[in-house]
Amino acid sequence: MNNAISIENVSKSFGQETVLREVSLNLRAGAIHGIIGRNGSGKTVLMKCVCGFMNPNRGEIRVFDRRIGRDCDFAPDTGMLIETPGFLPHETGLNNLLWLARLGKRASKARVKELISQVGLDPSLRKPVSQYSLGMRQRLGIAQALLDDPKLLILDEPMNGLDKTGVRDIRDLLLRLRGEGRTILLASHFAQDVDELCDTVSEMDQGVLTPVRGWDDAPAGNEPENIP
C-alpha cells in the first residue's frame, strides 16, 4: 500500500514531560485521516514533528518516503495549518497570499484569487486581515495551506472559529481535495468532523495513539465522542 506518512516508534519529551510515547502509524495516500484527543494530548506536537518543525527524541517519520530531519528538513509537497496562522495584519487577505506566493512555487494571481474563493472569502475584499474574524482568518489559513498545490495537507483544528456555513464549506472542500487524490491529516475535537470526513480515525491520549476506526486492528465498538 502506498503510504503518504509513515511514523515509527516516535517519542518526544520536553524536559521531564513525555508528550509522545512510541507513536507508530502508517497513513495511506489519497485518504483523509483524523486524530481526535483533548487539548494537551499530543496531537499538535505530533503534527509539528511530521512537518519538521520539531524533532522527535526517538523514532523516524517519513513523508512520501523521505525521512524528516535526514533526507529533508521539512515535509515535502505539504501544506499545513497548525495553531493560529500568521499574516501581515495591515495587508488584505489577497496581498498576504500574493506575498507568500512569491516565496513558494509562485502561484499566479489568478490562482491565488481562486483559492480565496474556494474557501468562501471574497478576493476583492479591501479589509485588512487585522479586521478579520477568527473564522475568516481560519479560511485564509486553509487557502494558504493550498497555495503550493500540495499532495499532503496537515490541518490542526481546521473548523476552529467557523460558523455552520463555514464548517459545511470546508468539509465540502476537503472532500473535493480527497477526490483529487490528495492526502489529508486533520486533528479535531468534534465527532461529526471525523464521522463525515475521515477514512481512518485514531485517538491521542497522554501521548499514546490508539486506532479507533478504519484500521484492521481497531478495537470493536470503539467510536469517537465529542471531546471538550
Foldseek 3Di string as FASTA:
>chain_A
DAFQKWWAQFWAADVPATQAGGDTDTHHFLFEEEEEEDPSLNPLVVLCCQQQVDPTPDTWMDGSRATDPPRHNGHPLFFEDGDQDDFDQQFALLVRLCVVLVVPVNDDSVLLQVLLVLLPHHNVDGHGNNPDFSLSSLSSSVSSSCSRVGLEYEYEASCPRPDPVSVVSVQVVLVVSSVVGGYYYYYHQAQVSCVSGGLWYWYGGSNYIATDPNDPPHDPPRGDHRDD
